[in-house]
């Protein structure tokens, strides 16, 4: 999965215009996929190495090492506009919202975590919340490890069976702390045995096939820092609080 796959039969269906980089819905072998050509990436001064597509593939590889399938199947392929990221399209459940903004008086509900409080455009108090589920906790752990700088609410896909996929991982693996996420509801809570075991699996895989595969897309320093984040999170054993001087949440939130 780390290299280019045969995507010679890919056909573009539509452009996804709300994306900040060139992103397309395409059809490949009878399946819908998301296609992000490298040629359509906007250069970022703070992510000068490699490509956003390579970081998305790296995020998938780490997700698979966790064993949690947080990221949909993702690979590099040569599409109509050149090499780029290809990811299997997911049909979400429109009746489920893993992350939401609700009136402030509706925030205190069972199974819901509060992230922040704000005032909307009509001067009404609102609260950013997310569900309190094992699937979303796993995504939050994954985000800490890959140093995800852009976990928007819209990047969490709620599937009909309760699974939660995370997408749009181009801003990951920076050597400096960049974590910006809407999934802050568990700050200070202890990690479960399952979550700690997942971190251990990633650490072990970095000394084998995963580490080798990531060298195609990430720098040595980025891979070393990935392992260091695994070690630090495992040693602390709980969800970390926001750190640094920048915003702890991405903007826009969705």
Foldseek 3Di string as FASTA:
>chain_A
DLAADEQEVKDFDAWPPVDPWTWTFIDGPNFTKIWGAQVRDDDDPQCNAFGLQNQQQLLQLLVVLLVLRQAADWYWYQDPVGIGIIGGDDDFDPVDQQKDKAQPVPQPDPQKFWQDWDADPVRGIITIIGGNDPQVVLVLLSCLLFLAQAAASVQWGHHPVRHIHGDRRSRTLRLDRRAAHSPQRFAPPFDDPSSLVSLVSSLVCCVDDSVVSSVVGDDPSSSVSSNVSSVVCNVVRGRHHDDDDDHNHDPPRD
